[in-house]
Structure formats: C-alpha cells, structure tokens
Amino acid sequence: MISVRTCFAGATLLLATVVVAAQENYEAWAPLTNPFPSTGGGGIMIHDYDPVVADSVCTTHFRAIEPNGTTYHNVISFDAVAIQGGTLCSNGAWRSADGSASGTTPFRVFIKNGVKRGSAQ
C-alpha cells in the first residue's frame, strides 16, 4: 500500500523536475554550426543539419561523416513543443536513409526567429 508520505514525496520530485525544466534558457544555447560533433562521439561530424517544424514534429535529413570519410545519410524526427516564444525539438529518433540502422539522441534543438540552437544536455 502506498502511503500519503510516498505520494507527497513523488509529487514534490515531479514538481521540482518541471520547475527546473521551465527555468532552462534555450536562447543561451550556441547556434547550430555546420558541421558539429555527433553526440555519439568517435570523431563523427554531423553535416547539413537543418530542422524544419511542421505538425508538432521537427525533421531534417543529415549526413554523419566518420574521420575516414565514410558517409551515412540519415533522417531524424523530434517532438516539437512551443516554449519560450520558440519551438523546442526533443526526443529525437533517427534512422538511416536505407533503413539499416536507427537510434535515439539526447541532442535537442531550439528554434526561434529563424535561429537554430543546439544542446546535447
């Protein structure tokens, strides 16, 4: 049986998480550059990353290029949420253009007034 104390502690933790998320200043993130390092590491660079928002989704095609020049063509989709006068793209799920690989990423994008900013946090 769940006690009132346990419910209160859970609600307090949830509220604290929401407050911290609401305080993040997305406009402080650095503008996206082309290329930029992959969150997966390994010296892979991400090229041609230009997210577009439509119907509550951010999407872009991009290339992931290994240090030896091997190139992978991919597409990514994020959930798009209106926040702080812009759009936050998070919960990214990518897949290779040929369907042979897929995954998720902690990378997030904030778009406001045409400026695209990125953060892996």
PDB file of N, CA and C in Angstrom:
ATOM      1  N   MET A   1       0.843  -1.174   0.000  1.00  0.00           N
ATOM      2  CA  MET A   1       0.000   0.000   0.000  1.00  0.00           C
ATOM      3  C   MET A   1       0.892   1.242   0.000  1.00  0.00           C
ATOM      4  N   ILE A   2       0.533   2.221  -0.801  1.00  0.00           N
ATOM      5  CA  ILE A   2       1.310   3.448  -0.903  1.00  0.00           C
ATOM      6  C   ILE A   2       0.832   4.422   0.164  1.00  0.00           C
ATOM      7  N   SER A   3       1.793   4.975   0.897  1.00  0.00           N
ATOM      8  CA  SER A   3       1.439   5.917   1.956  1.00  0.00           C
ATOM      9  C   SER A   3       1.283   7.329   1.402  1.00  0.00           C
ATOM     10  N   VAL A   4       0.649   8.172   2.174  1.00  0.00           N
ATOM     11  CA  VAL A   4       0.498   9.581   1.827  1.00  0.00           C
ATOM     12  C   VAL A   4       1.873  10.218   1.711  1.00  0.00           C
ATOM     13  N   ARG A   5       2.795   9.835   2.578  1.00  0.00           N
ATOM     14  CA  ARG A   5       4.156  10.385   2.559  1.00  0.00           C
ATOM     15  C   ARG A   5       4.846  10.041   1.233  1.00  0.00           C
ATOM     16  N   THR A   6       4.687   8.815   0.745  1.00  0.00           N
ATOM     17  CA  THR A   6       5.291   8.400  -0.518  1.00  0.00           C
ATOM     18  C   THR A   6       4.696   9.183  -1.677  1.00  0.00           C
ATOM     19  N   CYS A   7       3.383   9.368  -1.687  1.00  0.00           N
ATOM     20  CA  CYS A   7       2.717  10.149  -2.735  1.00  0.00           C
ATOM     21  C   CYS A   7       3.194  11.591  -2.719  1.00  0.00           C
ATOM     22  N   PHE A   8       3.314  12.177  -1.530  1.00  0.00           N
ATOM     23  CA  PHE A   8       3.768  13.553  -1.402  1.00  0.00           C
ATOM     24  C   PHE A   8       5.202  13.691  -1.904  1.00  0.00           C
ATOM     25  N   ALA A   9       6.068  12.750  -1.560  1.00  0.00           N
ATOM     26  CA  ALA A   9       7.467  12.791  -1.991  1.00  0.00           C
ATOM     27  C   ALA A   9       7.550  12.691  -3.514  1.00  0.00           C
ATOM     28  N   GLY A  10       6.757  11.824  -4.110  1.00  0.00           N
ATOM     29  CA  GLY A  10       6.747  11.675  -5.570  1.00  0.00           C
ATOM     30  C   GLY A  10       6.250  12.937  -6.253  1.00  0.00           C
ATOM     31  N   ALA A  11       5.198  13.532  -5.721  1.00  0.00           N
ATOM     32  CA  ALA A  11       4.653  14.765  -6.289  1.00  0.00           C
ATOM     33  C   ALA A  11       5.653  15.905  -6.176  1.00  0.00           C
ATOM     34  N   THR A  12       6.364  15.972  -5.061  1.00  0.00           N
ATOM     35  CA  THR A  12       7.369  17.017  -4.861  1.00  0.00           C
ATOM     36  C   THR A  12       8.503  16.869  -5.867  1.00  0.00           C
ATOM     37  N   LEU A  13       8.965  15.650  -6.094  1.00  0.00           N
ATOM     38  CA  LEU A  13      10.032  15.394  -7.064  1.00  0.00           C
ATOM     39  C   LEU A  13       9.578  15.770  -8.469  1.00  0.00           C
ATOM     40  N   LEU A  14       8.364  15.415  -8.839  1.00  0.00           N
ATOM     41  CA  LEU A  14       7.833  15.755 -10.149  1.00  0.00           C
ATOM     42  C   LEU A  14       7.764  17.264 -10.331  1.00  0.00           C
ATOM     43  N   LEU A  15       7.280  17.975  -9.344  1.00  0.00           N
ATOM     44  CA  LEU A  15       7.184  19.426  -9.407  1.00  0.00           C
ATOM     45  C   LEU A  15       8.566  20.049  -9.547  1.00  0.00           C
ATOM     46  N   ALA A  16       9.538  19.562  -8.803  1.00  0.00           N
ATOM     47  CA  ALA A  16      10.902  20.083  -8.887  1.00  0.00           C
ATOM     48  C   ALA A  16      11.475  19.880 -10.282  1.00  0.00           C
ATOM     49  N   THR A  17      11.195  18.751 -10.901  1.00  0.00           N
ATOM     50  CA  THR A  17      11.670  18.467 -12.252  1.00  0.00           C
ATOM     51  C   THR A  17      11.049  19.431 -13.249  1.00  0.00           C
ATOM     52  N   VAL A  18       9.761  19.687 -13.130  1.00  0.00           N
ATOM     53  CA  VAL A  18       9.065  20.611 -14.024  1.00  0.00           C
ATOM     54  C   VAL A  18       9.618  22.026 -13.863  1.00  0.00           C
ATOM     55  N   VAL A  19       9.862  22.469 -12.646  1.00  0.00           N
ATOM     56  CA  VAL A  19      10.382  23.810 -12.399  1.00  0.00           C
ATOM     57  C   VAL A  19      11.772  23.966 -13.009  1.00  0.00           C
ATOM     58  N   VAL A  20      12.649  22.980 -12.834  1.00  0.00           N
ATOM     59  CA  VAL A  20      13.989  23.054 -13.405  1.00  0.00           C
ATOM     60  C   VAL A  20      13.915  23.128 -14.923  1.00  0.00           C
ATOM     61  N   ALA A  21      13.078  22.305 -15.545  1.00  0.00           N
ATOM     62  CA  ALA A  21      12.940  22.321 -16.998  1.00  0.00           C
ATOM     63  C   ALA A  21      12.417  23.667 -17.480  1.00  0.00           C
ATOM     64  N   ALA A  22      11.492  24.256 -16.760  1.00  0.00           N
ATOM     65  CA  ALA A  22      10.909  25.531 -17.153  1.00  0.00           C
ATOM     66  C   ALA A  22      11.914  26.665 -17.038  1.00  0.00           C
ATOM     67  N   GLN A  23      12.927  26.522 -16.200  1.00  0.00           N
ATOM     68  CA  GLN A  23      13.901  27.579 -16.000  1.00  0.00           C
ATOM     69  C   GLN A  23      15.045  27.544 -17.007  1.00  0.00           C
ATOM     70  N   GLU A  24      15.170  26.496 -17.794  1.00  0.00           N
ATOM     71  CA  GLU A  24      16.256  26.404 -18.764  1.00  0.00           C
ATOM     72  C   GLU A  24      16.106  27.515 -19.805  1.00  0.00           C
ATOM     73  N   ASN A  25      17.198  28.215 -20.081  1.00  0.00           N
ATOM     74  CA  ASN A  25      17.178  29.304 -21.050  1.00  0.00           C
ATOM     75  C   ASN A  25      17.686  28.791 -22.394  1.00  0.00           C
ATOM     76  N   TYR A  26      16.779  28.426 -23.277  1.00  0.00           N
ATOM     77  CA  TYR A  26      17.140  27.833 -24.555  1.00  0.00           C
ATOM     78  C   TYR A  26      17.866  28.823 -25.464  1.00  0.00           C
ATOM     79  N   GLU A  27      17.583  30.101 -25.311  1.00  0.00           N
ATOM     80  CA  GLU A  27      18.259  31.101 -26.137  1.00  0.00           C
ATOM     81  C   GLU A  27      19.731  31.262 -25.761  1.00  0.00           C
ATOM     82  N   ALA A  28      20.145  30.685 -24.647  1.00  0.00           N
ATOM     83  CA  ALA A  28      21.551  30.730 -24.248  1.00  0.00           C
ATOM     84  C   ALA A  28      22.370  29.644 -24.946  1.00  0.00           C
ATOM     85  N   TRP A  29      21.701  28.670 -25.553  1.00  0.00           N
ATOM     86  CA  TRP A  29      22.421  27.624 -26.279  1.00  0.00           C
ATOM     87  C   TRP A  29      23.138  28.246 -27.472  1.00  0.00           C
ATOM     88  N   ALA A  30      24.253  27.649 -27.863  1.00  0.00           N
ATOM     89  CA  ALA A  30      25.017  28.126 -29.020  1.00  0.00           C
ATOM     90  C   ALA A  30      24.243  27.845 -30.313  1.00  0.00           C
ATOM     91  N   PRO A  31      24.319  28.762 -31.273  1.00  0.00           N
ATOM     92  CA  PRO A  31      23.696  28.483 -32.571  1.00  0.00           C
ATOM     93  C   PRO A  31      24.304  27.237 -33.208  1.00  0.00           C
ATOM     94  N   LEU A  32      23.475  26.507 -33.950  1.00  0.00           N
ATOM     95  CA  LEU A  32      23.967  25.322 -34.656  1.00  0.00           C
ATOM     96  C   LEU A  32      25.010  25.743 -35.685  1.00  0.00           C
ATOM     97  N   THR A  33      26.059  24.968 -35.779  1.00  0.00           N
ATOM     98  CA  THR A  33      27.076  25.188 -36.789  1.00  0.00           C
ATOM     99  C   THR A  33      27.055  24.002 -37.742  1.00  0.00           C
ATOM    100  N   ASN A  34      27.669  24.174 -38.889  1.00  0.00           N
ATOM    101  CA  ASN A  34      27.746  23.099 -39.858  1.00  0.00           C
ATOM    102  C   ASN A  34      29.201  22.930 -40.264  1.00  0.00           C
ATOM    103  N   PRO A  35      29.819  21.819 -39.919  1.00  0.00           N
ATOM    104  CA  PRO A  35      29.300  20.667 -39.184  1.00  0.00           C
ATOM    105  C   PRO A  35      29.448  20.860 -37.678  1.00  0.00           C
ATOM    106  N   PHE A  36      28.934  19.869 -36.911  1.00  0.00           N
ATOM    107  CA  PHE A  36      29.139  19.832 -35.465  1.00  0.00           C
ATOM    108  C   PHE A  36      29.377  18.385 -35.045  1.00  0.00           C
ATOM    109  N   PRO A  37      30.035  18.183 -33.891  1.00  0.00           N
ATOM    110  CA  PRO A  37      30.339  16.813 -33.457  1.00  0.00           C
ATOM    111  C   PRO A  37      29.083  16.029 -33.084  1.00  0.00           C
ATOM    112  N   SER A  38      29.071  14.757 -33.429  1.00  0.00           N
ATOM    113  CA  SER A  38      27.973  13.863 -33.079  1.00  0.00           C
ATOM    114  C   SER A  38      27.949  13.623 -31.576  1.00  0.00           C
ATOM    115  N   THR A  39      26.762  13.502 -31.004  1.00  0.00           N
ATOM    116  CA  THR A  39      26.644  13.157 -29.580  1.00  0.00           C
ATOM    117  C   THR A  39      27.129  11.742 -29.329  1.00  0.00           C
ATOM    118  N   GLY A  40      27.231  10.928 -30.389  1.00  0.00           N
ATOM    119  CA  GLY A  40      27.716   9.556 -30.264  1.00  0.00           C
ATOM    120  C   GLY A  40      29.229   9.453 -30.171  1.00  0.00           C
ATOM    121  N   GLY A  41      29.937  10.559 -30.420  1.00  0.00           N
ATOM    122  CA  GLY A  41      31.397  10.565 -30.321  1.00  0.00           C
ATOM    123  C   GLY A  41      32.067   9.888 -31.492  1.00  0.00           C
ATOM    124  N   GLY A  42      33.276   9.412 -31.249  1.00  0.00           N
ATOM    125  CA  GLY A  42      34.033   8.701 -32.275  1.00  0.00           C
ATOM    126  C   GLY A  42      34.560   9.587 -33.382  1.00  0.00           C
ATOM    127  N   GLY A  43      34.553  10.905 -33.178  1.00  0.00           N
ATOM    128  CA  GLY A  43      35.044  11.815 -34.205  1.00  0.00           C
ATOM    129  C   GLY A  43      34.076  12.028 -35.354  1.00  0.00           C
ATOM    130  N   ILE A  44      32.876  11.478 -35.249  1.00  0.00           N
ATOM    131  CA  ILE A  44      31.872  11.640 -36.308  1.00  0.00           C
ATOM    132  C   ILE A  44      31.341  13.063 -36.287  1.00  0.00           C
ATOM    133  N   MET A  45      31.262  13.650 -37.466  1.00  0.00           N
ATOM    134  CA  MET A  45      30.739  15.007 -37.603  1.00  0.00           C
ATOM    135  C   MET A  45      29.391  14.957 -38.316  1.00  0.00           C
ATOM    136  N   ILE A  46      28.485  15.826 -37.882  1.00  0.00           N
ATOM    137  CA  ILE A  46      27.141  15.917 -38.452  1.00  0.00           C
ATOM    138  C   ILE A  46      27.109  17.102 -39.415  1.00  0.00           C
ATOM    139  N   HIS A  47      26.673  16.836 -40.643  1.00  0.00           N
ATOM    140  CA  HIS A  47      26.620  17.856 -41.697  1.00  0.00           C
ATOM    141  C   HIS A  47      25.190  18.036 -42.186  1.00  0.00           C
ATOM    142  N   ASP A  48      24.900  19.229 -42.706  1.00  0.00           N
ATOM    143  CA  ASP A  48      23.623  19.532 -43.383  1.00  0.00           C
ATOM    144  C   ASP A  48      22.411  19.398 -42.468  1.00  0.00           C
ATOM    145  N   TYR A  49      22.572  19.714 -41.194  1.00  0.00           N
ATOM    146  CA  TYR A  49      21.512  19.580 -40.194  1.00  0.00           C
ATOM    147  C   TYR A  49      20.673  20.849 -40.220  1.00  0.00           C
ATOM    148  N   ASP A  50      19.448  20.781 -40.709  1.00  0.00           N
ATOM    149  CA  ASP A  50      18.598  21.964 -40.859  1.00  0.00           C
ATOM    150  C   ASP A  50      17.153  21.616 -40.514  1.00  0.00           C
ATOM    151  N   PRO A  51      16.841  21.465 -39.213  1.00  0.00           N
ATOM    152  CA  PRO A  51      15.490  21.047 -38.812  1.00  0.00           C
ATOM    153  C   PRO A  51      14.392  22.026 -39.238  1.00  0.00           C
ATOM    154  N   VAL A  52      13.281  21.444 -39.653  1.00  0.00           N
ATOM    155  CA  VAL A  52      12.092  22.192 -40.050  1.00  0.00           C
ATOM    156  C   VAL A  52      10.932  21.689 -39.197  1.00  0.00           C
ATOM    157  N   VAL A  53      10.084  22.605 -38.744  1.00  0.00           N
ATOM    158  CA  VAL A  53       8.953  22.255 -37.884  1.00  0.00           C
ATOM    159  C   VAL A  53       7.662  22.235 -38.706  1.00  0.00           C
ATOM    160  N   ALA A  54       6.902  21.134 -38.569  1.00  0.00           N
ATOM    161  CA  ALA A  54       5.583  21.021 -39.193  1.00  0.00           C
ATOM    162  C   ALA A  54       4.763  20.010 -38.395  1.00  0.00           C
ATOM    163  N   ASP A  55       3.534  20.378 -38.067  1.00  0.00           N
ATOM    164  CA  ASP A  55       2.610  19.464 -37.384  1.00  0.00           C
ATOM    165  C   ASP A  55       3.197  18.841 -36.115  1.00  0.00           C
ATOM    166  N   SER A  56       3.765  19.656 -35.244  1.00  0.00           N
ATOM    167  CA  SER A  56       4.308  19.222 -33.951  1.00  0.00           C
ATOM    168  C   SER A  56       5.488  18.256 -34.064  1.00  0.00           C
ATOM    169  N   VAL A  57       6.194  18.304 -35.205  1.00  0.00           N
ATOM    170  CA  VAL A  57       7.374  17.463 -35.414  1.00  0.00           C
ATOM    171  C   VAL A  57       8.471  18.306 -36.059  1.00  0.00           C
ATOM    172  N   CYS A  58       9.704  18.127 -35.591  1.00  0.00           N
ATOM    173  CA  CYS A  58      10.880  18.715 -36.244  1.00  0.00           C
ATOM    174  C   CYS A  58      11.548  17.589 -37.016  1.00  0.00           C
ATOM    175  N   THR A  59      11.905  17.832 -38.269  1.00  0.00           N
ATOM    176  CA  THR A  59      12.602  16.808 -39.045  1.00  0.00           C
ATOM    177  C   THR A  59      13.729  17.427 -39.857  1.00  0.00           C
ATOM    178  N   THR A  60      14.737  16.621 -40.134  1.00  0.00           N
ATOM    179  CA  THR A  60      15.787  17.015 -41.068  1.00  0.00           C
ATOM    180  C   THR A  60      16.514  15.784 -41.574  1.00  0.00           C
ATOM    181  N   HIS A  61      16.975  15.880 -42.794  1.00  0.00           N
ATOM    182  CA  HIS A  61      17.917  14.906 -43.339  1.00  0.00           C
ATOM    183  C   HIS A  61      19.296  15.424 -42.964  1.00  0.00           C
ATOM    184  N   PHE A  62      20.263  14.532 -42.764  1.00  0.00           N
ATOM    185  CA  PHE A  62      21.616  14.959 -42.451  1.00  0.00           C
ATOM    186  C   PHE A  62      22.598  13.869 -42.825  1.00  0.00           C
ATOM    187  N   ARG A  63      23.874  14.246 -42.840  1.00  0.00           N
ATOM    188  CA  ARG A  63      24.939  13.279 -43.093  1.00  0.00           C
ATOM    189  C   ARG A  63      25.787  13.151 -41.840  1.00  0.00           C
ATOM    190  N   ALA A  64      26.156  11.931 -41.501  1.00  0.00           N
ATOM    191  CA  ALA A  64      27.109  11.656 -40.426  1.00  0.00           C
ATOM    192  C   ALA A  64      28.377  11.160 -41.115  1.00  0.00           C
ATOM    193  N   ILE A  65      29.495  11.862 -40.890  1.00  0.00           N
ATOM    194  CA  ILE A  65      30.726  11.536 -41.598  1.00  0.00           C
ATOM    195  C   ILE A  65      31.808  11.134 -40.606  1.00  0.00           C
ATOM    196  N   GLU A  66      32.325   9.920 -40.794  1.00  0.00           N
ATOM    197  CA  GLU A  66      33.407   9.412 -39.943  1.00  0.00           C
ATOM    198  C   GLU A  66      34.723  10.106 -40.300  1.00  0.00           C
ATOM    199  N   PRO A  67      35.703  10.063 -39.384  1.00  0.00           N
ATOM    200  CA  PRO A  67      37.004  10.686 -39.673  1.00  0.00           C
ATOM    201  C   PRO A  67      37.662  10.151 -40.951  1.00  0.00           C
ATOM    202  N   ASN A  68      37.372   8.897 -41.327  1.00  0.00           N
ATOM    203  CA  ASN A  68      37.974   8.323 -42.536  1.00  0.00           C
ATOM    204  C   ASN A  68      37.211   8.692 -43.810  1.00  0.00           C
ATOM    205  N   GLY A  69      36.134   9.490 -43.671  1.00  0.00           N
ATOM    206  CA  GLY A  69      35.368   9.944 -44.819  1.00  0.00           C
ATOM    207  C   GLY A  69      34.118   9.133 -45.126  1.00  0.00           C
ATOM    208  N   THR A  70      33.932   8.001 -44.454  1.00  0.00           N
ATOM    209  CA  THR A  70      32.717   7.213 -44.667  1.00  0.00           C
ATOM    210  C   THR A  70      31.509   8.061 -44.298  1.00  0.00           C
ATOM    211  N   THR A  71      30.541   8.109 -45.202  1.00  0.00           N
ATOM    212  CA  THR A  71      29.374   8.978 -45.027  1.00  0.00           C
ATOM    213  C   THR A  71      28.099   8.150 -44.889  1.00  0.00           C
ATOM    214  N   TYR A  72      27.287   8.531 -43.918  1.00  0.00           N
ATOM    215  CA  TYR A  72      25.993   7.886 -43.684  1.00  0.00           C
ATOM    216  C   TYR A  72      24.902   8.934 -43.872  1.00  0.00           C
ATOM    217  N   HIS A  73      23.903   8.618 -44.651  1.00  0.00           N
ATOM    218  CA  HIS A  73      22.770   9.515 -44.876  1.00  0.00           C
ATOM    219  C   HIS A  73      21.640   9.103 -43.939  1.00  0.00           C
ATOM    220  N   ASN A  74      21.110  10.083 -43.206  1.00  0.00           N
ATOM    221  CA  ASN A  74      20.117   9.810 -42.164  1.00  0.00           C
ATOM    222  C   ASN A  74      18.991  10.830 -42.188  1.00  0.00           C
ATOM    223  N   VAL A  75      17.943  10.503 -41.449  1.00  0.00           N
ATOM    224  CA  VAL A  75      16.847  11.429 -41.203  1.00  0.00           C
ATOM    225  C   VAL A  75      16.508  11.341 -39.721  1.00  0.00           C
ATOM    226  N   ILE A  76      16.111  12.469 -39.139  1.00  0.00           N
ATOM    227  CA  ILE A  76      15.749  12.483 -37.717  1.00  0.00           C
ATOM    228  C   ILE A  76      14.422  13.200 -37.544  1.00  0.00           C
ATOM    229  N   SER A  77      13.643  12.737 -36.582  1.00  0.00           N
ATOM    230  CA  SER A  77      12.384  13.384 -36.200  1.00  0.00           C
ATOM    231  C   SER A  77      12.407  13.626 -34.701  1.00  0.00           C
ATOM    232  N   PHE A  78      11.955  14.794 -34.301  1.00  0.00           N
ATOM    233  CA  PHE A  78      11.845  15.185 -32.899  1.00  0.00           C
ATOM    234  C   PHE A  78      10.405  15.543 -32.591  1.00  0.00           C
ATOM    235  N   ASP A  79      10.030  15.456 -31.316  1.00  0.00           N
ATOM    236  CA  ASP A  79       8.785  16.066 -30.853  1.00  0.00           C
ATOM    237  C   ASP A  79       9.018  17.573 -30.843  1.00  0.00           C
ATOM    238  N   ALA A  80       8.058  18.353 -31.305  1.00  0.00           N
ATOM    239  CA  ALA A  80       8.171  19.811 -31.327  1.00  0.00           C
ATOM    240  C   ALA A  80       7.157  20.407 -30.360  1.00  0.00           C
ATOM    241  N   VAL A  81       7.651  21.251 -29.433  1.00  0.00           N
ATOM    242  CA  VAL A  81       6.794  21.869 -28.431  1.00  0.00           C
ATOM    243  C   VAL A  81       7.054  23.374 -28.410  1.00  0.00           C
ATOM    244  N   ALA A  82       5.985  24.161 -28.434  1.00  0.00           N
ATOM    245  CA  ALA A  82       6.117  25.615 -28.322  1.00  0.00           C
ATOM    246  C   ALA A  82       6.510  25.974 -26.893  1.00  0.00           C
ATOM    247  N   ILE A  83       7.604  26.739 -26.754  1.00  0.00           N
ATOM    248  CA  ILE A  83       8.089  27.144 -25.436  1.00  0.00           C
ATOM    249  C   ILE A  83       8.965  28.378 -25.587  1.00  0.00           C
ATOM    250  N   GLN A  84       8.896  29.280 -24.639  1.00  0.00           N
ATOM    251  CA  GLN A  84       9.713  30.487 -24.584  1.00  0.00           C
ATOM    252  C   GLN A  84       9.703  31.266 -25.901  1.00  0.00           C
ATOM    253  N   GLY A  85       8.553  31.304 -26.566  1.00  0.00           N
ATOM    254  CA  GLY A  85       8.413  32.060 -27.801  1.00  0.00           C
ATOM    255  C   GLY A  85       9.025  31.396 -29.018  1.00  0.00           C
ATOM    256  N   GLY A  86       9.452  30.148 -28.877  1.00  0.00           N
ATOM    257  CA  GLY A  86      10.050  29.409 -29.988  1.00  0.00           C
ATOM    258  C   GLY A  86       9.557  27.980 -29.983  1.00  0.00           C
ATOM    259  N   THR A  87      10.340  27.085 -30.565  1.00  0.00           N
ATOM    260  CA  THR A  87       9.993  25.669 -30.626  1.00  0.00           C
ATOM    261  C   THR A  87      11.159  24.842 -30.113  1.00  0.00           C
ATOM    262  N   LEU A  88      10.879  23.971 -29.155  1.00  0.00           N
ATOM    263  CA  LEU A  88      11.871  23.040 -28.649  1.00  0.00           C
ATOM    264  C   LEU A  88      11.655  21.695 -29.328  1.00  0.00           C
ATOM    265  N   CYS A  89      12.715  21.196 -29.939  1.00  0.00           N
ATOM    266  CA  CYS A  89      12.686  19.884 -30.594  1.00  0.00           C
ATOM    267  C   CYS A  89      13.467  18.923 -29.707  1.00  0.00           C
ATOM    268  N   SER A  90      12.796  17.912 -29.178  1.00  0.00           N
ATOM    269  CA  SER A  90      13.447  16.957 -28.270  1.00  0.00           C
ATOM    270  C   SER A  90      12.927  15.554 -28.535  1.00  0.00           C
ATOM    271  N   ASN A  91      13.487  14.581 -27.821  1.00  0.00           N
ATOM    272  CA  ASN A  91      13.118  13.171 -28.002  1.00  0.00           C
ATOM    273  C   ASN A  91      13.371  12.722 -29.442  1.00  0.00           C
ATOM    274  N   GLY A  92      14.565  13.011 -29.921  1.00  0.00           N
ATOM    275  CA  GLY A  92      14.921  12.696 -31.301  1.00  0.00           C
ATOM    276  C   GLY A  92      15.103  11.214 -31.565  1.00  0.00           C
ATOM    277  N   ALA A  93      14.560  10.756 -32.686  1.00  0.00           N
ATOM    278  CA  ALA A  93      14.729   9.381 -33.157  1.00  0.00           C
ATOM    279  C   ALA A  93      15.210   9.460 -34.605  1.00  0.00           C
ATOM    280  N   TRP A  94      16.379   8.868 -34.868  1.00  0.00           N
ATOM    281  CA  TRP A  94      16.945   8.913 -36.211  1.00  0.00           C
ATOM    282  C   TRP A  94      16.912   7.524 -36.850  1.00  0.00           C
ATOM    283  N   ARG A  95      17.060   7.530 -38.163  1.00  0.00           N
ATOM    284  CA  ARG A  95      17.187   6.280 -38.900  1.00  0.00           C
ATOM    285  C   ARG A  95      18.013   6.566 -40.149  1.00  0.00           C
ATOM    286  N   SER A  96      18.707   5.545 -40.601  1.00  0.00           N
ATOM    287  CA  SER A  96      19.476   5.688 -41.835  1.00  0.00           C
ATOM    288  C   SER A  96      18.514   5.751 -43.018  1.00  0.00           C
ATOM    289  N   ALA A  97      18.931   6.432 -44.062  1.00  0.00           N
ATOM    290  CA  ALA A  97      18.076   6.577 -45.240  1.00  0.00           C
ATOM    291  C   ALA A  97      17.748   5.226 -45.867  1.00  0.00           C
ATOM    292  N   ASP A  98      18.677   4.251 -45.747  1.00  0.00           N
ATOM    293  CA  ASP A  98      18.408   2.932 -46.327  1.00  0.00           C
ATOM    294  C   ASP A  98      17.702   1.979 -45.365  1.00  0.00           C
ATOM    295  N   GLY A  99      17.399   2.458 -44.140  1.00  0.00           N
ATOM    296  CA  GLY A  99      16.668   1.657 -43.161  1.00  0.00           C
ATOM    297  C   GLY A  99      17.505   0.626 -42.422  1.00  0.00           C
ATOM    298  N   SER A 100      18.827   0.662 -42.590  1.00  0.00           N
ATOM    299  CA  SER A 100      19.678  -0.364 -41.980  1.00  0.00           C
ATOM    300  C   SER A 100      20.059  -0.073 -40.529  1.00  0.00           C
ATOM    301  N   ALA A 101      19.821   1.140 -40.047  1.00  0.00           N
ATOM    302  CA  ALA A 101      20.187   1.492 -38.671  1.00  0.00           C
ATOM    303  C   ALA A 101      19.214   2.532 -38.139  1.00  0.00           C
ATOM    304  N   SER A 102      19.092   2.580 -36.803  1.00  0.00           N
ATOM    305  CA  SER A 102      18.229   3.581 -36.172  1.00  0.00           C
ATOM    306  C   SER A 102      18.653   3.747 -34.725  1.00  0.00           C
ATOM    307  N   GLY A 103      18.184   4.811 -34.096  1.00  0.00           N
ATOM    308  CA  GLY A 103      18.503   5.047 -32.699  1.00  0.00           C
ATOM    309  C   GLY A 103      17.856   6.323 -32.195  1.00  0.00           C
ATOM    310  N   THR A 104      18.242   6.716 -31.017  1.00  0.00           N
ATOM    311  CA  THR A 104      17.742   7.947 -30.403  1.00  0.00           C
ATOM    312  C   THR A 104      18.939   8.834 -30.074  1.00  0.00           C
ATOM    313  N   THR A 105      18.661  10.070 -29.719  1.00  0.00           N
ATOM    314  CA  THR A 105      19.725  11.013 -29.399  1.00  0.00           C
ATOM    315  C   THR A 105      19.282  11.933 -28.265  1.00  0.00           C
ATOM    316  N   PRO A 106      20.227  12.338 -27.401  1.00  0.00           N
ATOM    317  CA  PRO A 106      19.910  13.330 -26.375  1.00  0.00           C
ATOM    318  C   PRO A 106      19.936  14.747 -26.945  1.00  0.00           C
ATOM    319  N   PHE A 107      20.408  14.906 -28.188  1.00  0.00           N
ATOM    320  CA  PHE A 107      20.530  16.222 -28.804  1.00  0.00           C
ATOM    321  C   PHE A 107      19.159  16.884 -28.904  1.00  0.00           C
ATOM    322  N   ARG A 108      19.121  18.167 -28.607  1.00  0.00           N
ATOM    323  CA  ARG A 108      17.879  18.941 -28.716  1.00  0.00           C
ATOM    324  C   ARG A 108      18.161  20.191 -29.535  1.00  0.00           C
ATOM    325  N   VAL A 109      17.119  20.730 -30.153  1.00  0.00           N
ATOM    326  CA  VAL A 109      17.228  21.938 -30.958  1.00  0.00           C
ATOM    327  C   VAL A 109      16.158  22.914 -30.496  1.00  0.00           C
ATOM    328  N   PHE A 110      16.540  24.187 -30.400  1.00  0.00           N
ATOM    329  CA  PHE A 110      15.581  25.244 -30.087  1.00  0.00           C
ATOM    330  C   PHE A 110      15.591  26.206 -31.266  1.00  0.00           C
ATOM    331  N   ILE A 111      14.403  26.480 -31.816  1.00  0.00           N
ATOM    332  CA  ILE A 111      14.270  27.355 -32.975  1.00  0.00           C
ATOM    333  C   ILE A 111      13.415  28.555 -32.585  1.00  0.00           C
ATOM    334  N   LYS A 112      13.972  29.746 -32.801  1.00  0.00           N
ATOM    335  CA  LYS A 112      13.219  30.969 -32.513  1.00  0.00           C
ATOM    336  C   LYS A 112      13.696  32.057 -33.464  1.00  0.00           C
ATOM    337  N   ASN A 113      12.743  32.718 -34.115  1.00  0.00           N
ATOM    338  CA  ASN A 113      13.044  33.805 -35.051  1.00  0.00           C
ATOM    339  C   ASN A 113      14.060  33.379 -36.108  1.00  0.00           C
ATOM    340  N   GLY A 114      13.954  32.146 -36.573  1.00  0.00           N
ATOM    341  CA  GLY A 114      14.840  31.643 -37.606  1.00  0.00           C
ATOM    342  C   GLY A 114      16.202  31.183 -37.139  1.00  0.00           C
ATOM    343  N   VAL A 115      16.531  31.391 -35.864  1.00  0.00           N
ATOM    344  CA  VAL A 115      17.814  30.963 -35.323  1.00  0.00           C
ATOM    345  C   VAL A 115      17.649  29.572 -34.718  1.00  0.00           C
ATOM    346  N   LYS A 116      18.542  28.672 -35.115  1.00  0.00           N
ATOM    347  CA  LYS A 116      18.507  27.284 -34.616  1.00  0.00           C
ATOM    348  C   LYS A 116      19.682  27.075 -33.679  1.00  0.00           C
ATOM    349  N   ARG A 117      19.371  26.637 -32.460  1.00  0.00           N
ATOM    350  CA  ARG A 117      20.383  26.428 -31.424  1.00  0.00           C
ATOM    351  C   ARG A 117      20.331  24.968 -30.983  1.00  0.00           C
ATOM    352  N   GLY A 118      21.486  24.413 -30.602  1.00  0.00           N
ATOM    353  CA  GLY A 118      21.515  23.012 -30.229  1.00  0.00           C
ATOM    354  C   GLY A 118      22.155  22.769 -28.888  1.00  0.00           C
ATOM    355  N   SER A 119      21.690  21.710 -28.204  1.00  0.00           N
ATOM    356  CA  SER A 119      22.247  21.300 -26.928  1.00  0.00           C
ATOM    357  C   SER A 119      22.071  19.803 -26.738  1.00  0.00           C
ATOM    358  N   ALA A 120      23.112  19.142 -26.323  1.00  0.00           N
ATOM    359  CA  ALA A 120      23.048  17.702 -26.069  1.00  0.00           C
ATOM    360  C   ALA A 120      22.584  17.392 -24.650  1.00  0.00           C
ATOM    361  N   GLN A 121      22.381  18.387 -23.837  1.00  0.00           N
ATOM    362  CA  GLN A 121      22.029  18.182 -22.424  1.00  0.00           C
ATOM    363  C   GLN A 121      20.606  17.703 -22.269  1.00  0.00           C
TER     364      GLN A 121
END
